[in-house]
């Protein structure tokens, strides 16, 4: 491999690492299911946002959660504003991260991620509404 190709490859690798590091900085902070449960019982309870499909939500969700599928979060961000922030979840986490990014891009503050999603909530034995 020529020096020019090696330099280009090294530059490309460095760029990928830099982009990944920047993306990680843009993630909403996480909280455990128990931490969210504790906050729900306090005066600073966040809005709980379930970004799964309506069918998944109907099958079971965190009590009091609002259902807005992740694809709609950006267009509905204004109605999701909450003085105590927004706790976002999906089944495991990836769709929640998309919803969080949409909220953060809209200027929302206090956005947090439920670590492990609804699956972790259920595994912890916390209340589920249907």
C-alpha atoms as a PDB file:
ATOM      1  CA  UNK A   1       0.000   0.000   0.000  1.00  0.00           C
ATOM      2  CA  UNK A   2       1.395   3.427  -0.879  1.00  0.00           C
ATOM      3  CA  UNK A   3       2.033   6.131   1.705  1.00  0.00           C
ATOM      4  CA  UNK A   4      -0.713   8.222   0.177  1.00  0.00           C
ATOM      5  CA  UNK A   5      -3.306   5.464   0.577  1.00  0.00           C
ATOM      6  CA  UNK A   6      -2.165   4.751   4.139  1.00  0.00           C
ATOM      7  CA  UNK A   7      -2.448   8.440   5.042  1.00  0.00           C
ATOM      8  CA  UNK A   8      -5.906   8.630   3.512  1.00  0.00           C
ATOM      9  CA  UNK A   9      -6.964   5.511   5.419  1.00  0.00           C
ATOM     10  CA  UNK A  10      -5.555   6.911   8.671  1.00  0.00           C
ATOM     11  CA  UNK A  11      -7.334  10.220   8.085  1.00  0.00           C
ATOM     12  CA  UNK A  12     -10.607   8.423   7.378  1.00  0.00           C
ATOM     13  CA  UNK A  13     -10.228   6.331  10.544  1.00  0.00           C
ATOM     14  CA  UNK A  14      -9.533   9.449  12.610  1.00  0.00           C
ATOM     15  CA  UNK A  15     -12.597  11.126  11.135  1.00  0.00           C
ATOM     16  CA  UNK A  16     -14.797   8.154  12.065  1.00  0.00           C
ATOM     17  CA  UNK A  17     -13.469   8.205  15.641  1.00  0.00           C
ATOM     18  CA  UNK A  18     -14.059  11.967  15.893  1.00  0.00           C
ATOM     19  CA  UNK A  19     -17.631  11.696  14.590  1.00  0.00           C
ATOM     20  CA  UNK A  20     -18.376   8.841  16.998  1.00  0.00           C
ATOM     21  CA  UNK A  21     -16.992  10.844  19.922  1.00  0.00           C
ATOM     22  CA  UNK A  22     -19.114  13.858  19.005  1.00  0.00           C
ATOM     23  CA  UNK A  23     -22.215  11.685  18.642  1.00  0.00           C
ATOM     24  CA  UNK A  24     -21.635  10.153  22.080  1.00  0.00           C
ATOM     25  CA  UNK A  25     -21.493  13.668  23.583  1.00  0.00           C
ATOM     26  CA  UNK A  26     -24.933  14.384  22.097  1.00  0.00           C
ATOM     27  CA  UNK A  27     -26.652  11.501  23.909  1.00  0.00           C
ATOM     28  CA  UNK A  28     -29.163  12.265  26.609  1.00  0.00           C
ATOM     29  CA  UNK A  29     -28.023  11.088  30.042  1.00  0.00           C
ATOM     30  CA  UNK A  30     -29.406   7.746  31.196  1.00  0.00           C
ATOM     31  CA  UNK A  31     -31.210   6.787  34.348  1.00  0.00           C
ATOM     32  CA  UNK A  32     -32.100   3.360  35.647  1.00  0.00           C
ATOM     33  CA  UNK A  33     -35.669   2.112  35.900  1.00  0.00           C
ATOM     34  CA  UNK A  34     -35.527   2.530  39.697  1.00  0.00           C
ATOM     35  CA  UNK A  35     -34.220   6.093  39.384  1.00  0.00           C
ATOM     36  CA  UNK A  36     -37.104   6.945  37.057  1.00  0.00           C
ATOM     37  CA  UNK A  37     -39.599   5.282  39.404  1.00  0.00           C
ATOM     38  CA  UNK A  38     -38.213   7.369  42.282  1.00  0.00           C
ATOM     39  CA  UNK A  39     -38.531  10.588  40.254  1.00  0.00           C
ATOM     40  CA  UNK A  40     -42.098   9.738  39.258  1.00  0.00           C
ATOM     41  CA  UNK A  41     -43.068   9.886  42.913  1.00  0.00           C
ATOM     42  CA  UNK A  42     -41.547  13.343  43.424  1.00  0.00           C
ATOM     43  CA  UNK A  43     -42.464  16.922  42.670  1.00  0.00           C
ATOM     44  CA  UNK A  44     -39.935  17.034  39.808  1.00  0.00           C
ATOM     45  CA  UNK A  45     -41.456  14.100  37.896  1.00  0.00           C
ATOM     46  CA  UNK A  46     -40.627  14.278  34.175  1.00  0.00           C
ATOM     47  CA  UNK A  47     -43.037  13.671  31.351  1.00  0.00           C
ATOM     48  CA  UNK A  48     -42.597  10.001  30.440  1.00  0.00           C
ATOM     49  CA  UNK A  49     -42.525   9.494  26.679  1.00  0.00           C
ATOM     50  CA  UNK A  50     -43.062   6.046  25.129  1.00  0.00           C
ATOM     51  CA  UNK A  51     -41.846   6.181  21.525  1.00  0.00           C
ATOM     52  CA  UNK A  52     -42.982   2.662  20.576  1.00  0.00           C
ATOM     53  CA  UNK A  53     -45.868   1.847  18.272  1.00  0.00           C
ATOM     54  CA  UNK A  54     -49.444   2.293  19.533  1.00  0.00           C
ATOM     55  CA  UNK A  55     -49.815  -1.492  19.518  1.00  0.00           C
ATOM     56  CA  UNK A  56     -46.750  -1.949  21.750  1.00  0.00           C
ATOM     57  CA  UNK A  57     -47.989   0.803  24.052  1.00  0.00           C
ATOM     58  CA  UNK A  58     -51.438  -0.814  24.342  1.00  0.00           C
ATOM     59  CA  UNK A  59     -49.821  -4.130  25.305  1.00  0.00           C
ATOM     60  CA  UNK A  60     -48.184  -2.476  28.322  1.00  0.00           C
ATOM     61  CA  UNK A  61     -46.455   0.764  29.268  1.00  0.00           C
ATOM     62  CA  UNK A  62     -45.123   2.769  32.188  1.00  0.00           C
ATOM     63  CA  UNK A  63     -48.103   4.231  34.082  1.00  0.00           C
ATOM     64  CA  UNK A  64     -48.780   7.808  32.991  1.00  0.00           C
ATOM     65  CA  UNK A  65     -46.579   7.572  29.882  1.00  0.00           C
ATOM     66  CA  UNK A  66     -47.561   9.482  26.760  1.00  0.00           C
ATOM     67  CA  UNK A  67     -47.295   7.558  23.485  1.00  0.00           C
ATOM     68  CA  UNK A  68     -45.772   9.335  20.489  1.00  0.00           C
ATOM     69  CA  UNK A  69     -44.066   7.000  17.997  1.00  0.00           C
ATOM     70  CA  UNK A  70     -40.439   7.991  17.461  1.00  0.00           C
ATOM     71  CA  UNK A  71     -41.090   9.023  13.841  1.00  0.00           C
ATOM     72  CA  UNK A  72     -43.504  11.732  15.083  1.00  0.00           C
ATOM     73  CA  UNK A  73     -41.439  13.187  17.915  1.00  0.00           C
ATOM     74  CA  UNK A  74     -39.766  15.911  15.830  1.00  0.00           C
ATOM     75  CA  UNK A  75     -43.067  17.218  14.483  1.00  0.00           C
ATOM     76  CA  UNK A  76     -44.723  17.085  17.921  1.00  0.00           C
ATOM     77  CA  UNK A  77     -41.805  18.298  20.064  1.00  0.00           C
ATOM     78  CA  UNK A  78     -43.572  21.506  21.133  1.00  0.00           C
ATOM     79  CA  UNK A  79     -46.430  19.577  22.739  1.00  0.00           C
ATOM     80  CA  UNK A  80     -43.929  17.404  24.647  1.00  0.00           C
ATOM     81  CA  UNK A  81     -42.230  20.269  26.479  1.00  0.00           C
ATOM     82  CA  UNK A  82     -42.204  19.771  30.233  1.00  0.00           C
ATOM     83  CA  UNK A  83     -40.731  21.951  32.997  1.00  0.00           C
ATOM     84  CA  UNK A  84     -39.330  18.813  34.651  1.00  0.00           C
ATOM     85  CA  UNK A  85     -37.853  17.319  31.497  1.00  0.00           C
ATOM     86  CA  UNK A  86     -38.786  14.279  29.447  1.00  0.00           C
ATOM     87  CA  UNK A  87     -37.843  10.657  30.138  1.00  0.00           C
ATOM     88  CA  UNK A  88     -37.847   8.757  26.845  1.00  0.00           C
ATOM     89  CA  UNK A  89     -38.089   5.007  26.361  1.00  0.00           C
ATOM     90  CA  UNK A  90     -38.804   2.296  23.819  1.00  0.00           C
ATOM     91  CA  UNK A  91     -38.514  -1.469  24.228  1.00  0.00           C
ATOM     92  CA  UNK A  92     -34.696  -1.608  24.506  1.00  0.00           C
ATOM     93  CA  UNK A  93     -33.264   1.801  23.600  1.00  0.00           C
ATOM     94  CA  UNK A  94     -32.533   2.526  19.903  1.00  0.00           C
ATOM     95  CA  UNK A  95     -35.853   4.171  19.017  1.00  0.00           C
ATOM     96  CA  UNK A  96     -35.696   6.173  22.236  1.00  0.00           C
ATOM     97  CA  UNK A  97     -32.320   7.585  21.189  1.00  0.00           C
ATOM     98  CA  UNK A  98     -33.869   8.771  17.902  1.00  0.00           C
ATOM     99  CA  UNK A  99     -36.707  10.441  19.805  1.00  0.00           C
ATOM    100  CA  UNK A 100     -34.262  12.020  22.233  1.00  0.00           C
ATOM    101  CA  UNK A 101     -32.215  13.473  19.386  1.00  0.00           C
ATOM    102  CA  UNK A 102     -35.378  14.996  17.909  1.00  0.00           C
ATOM    103  CA  UNK A 103     -36.254  16.581  21.257  1.00  0.00           C
ATOM    104  CA  UNK A 104     -32.731  17.885  21.801  1.00  0.00           C
ATOM    105  CA  UNK A 105     -32.648  19.308  18.264  1.00  0.00           C
ATOM    106  CA  UNK A 106     -35.892  21.156  19.022  1.00  0.00           C
ATOM    107  CA  UNK A 107     -34.247  22.817  22.019  1.00  0.00           C
ATOM    108  CA  UNK A 108     -35.810  20.671  24.750  1.00  0.00           C
ATOM    109  CA  UNK A 109     -33.952  20.529  28.037  1.00  0.00           C
ATOM    110  CA  UNK A 110     -33.942  17.875  30.716  1.00  0.00           C
ATOM    111  CA  UNK A 111     -34.193  14.995  28.258  1.00  0.00           C
ATOM    112  CA  UNK A 112     -33.182  11.670  29.826  1.00  0.00           C
ATOM    113  CA  UNK A 113     -32.961   8.102  28.539  1.00  0.00           C
ATOM    114  CA  UNK A 114     -34.448   5.107  30.367  1.00  0.00           C
ATOM    115  CA  UNK A 115     -31.514   2.714  30.466  1.00  0.00           C
ATOM    116  CA  UNK A 116     -32.583  -0.652  29.071  1.00  0.00           C
ATOM    117  CA  UNK A 117     -35.991   0.642  28.009  1.00  0.00           C
ATOM    118  CA  UNK A 118     -39.335  -0.917  28.855  1.00  0.00           C
ATOM    119  CA  UNK A 119     -37.742  -4.346  28.970  1.00  0.00           C
ATOM    120  CA  UNK A 120     -35.535  -3.252  31.886  1.00  0.00           C
ATOM    121  CA  UNK A 121     -38.539  -1.608  33.560  1.00  0.00           C
ATOM    122  CA  UNK A 122     -40.465  -4.887  33.410  1.00  0.00           C
ATOM    123  CA  UNK A 123     -37.451  -6.934  34.520  1.00  0.00           C
ATOM    124  CA  UNK A 124     -37.137  -4.675  37.581  1.00  0.00           C
ATOM    125  CA  UNK A 125     -40.721  -5.612  38.505  1.00  0.00           C
ATOM    126  CA  UNK A 126     -41.966  -2.034  38.309  1.00  0.00           C
ATOM    127  CA  UNK A 127     -45.652  -1.205  37.623  1.00  0.00           C
ATOM    128  CA  UNK A 128     -47.045  -1.668  34.123  1.00  0.00           C
ATOM    129  CA  UNK A 129     -50.289  -0.155  32.825  1.00  0.00           C
ATOM    130  CA  UNK A 130     -52.421  -1.536  29.979  1.00  0.00           C
END
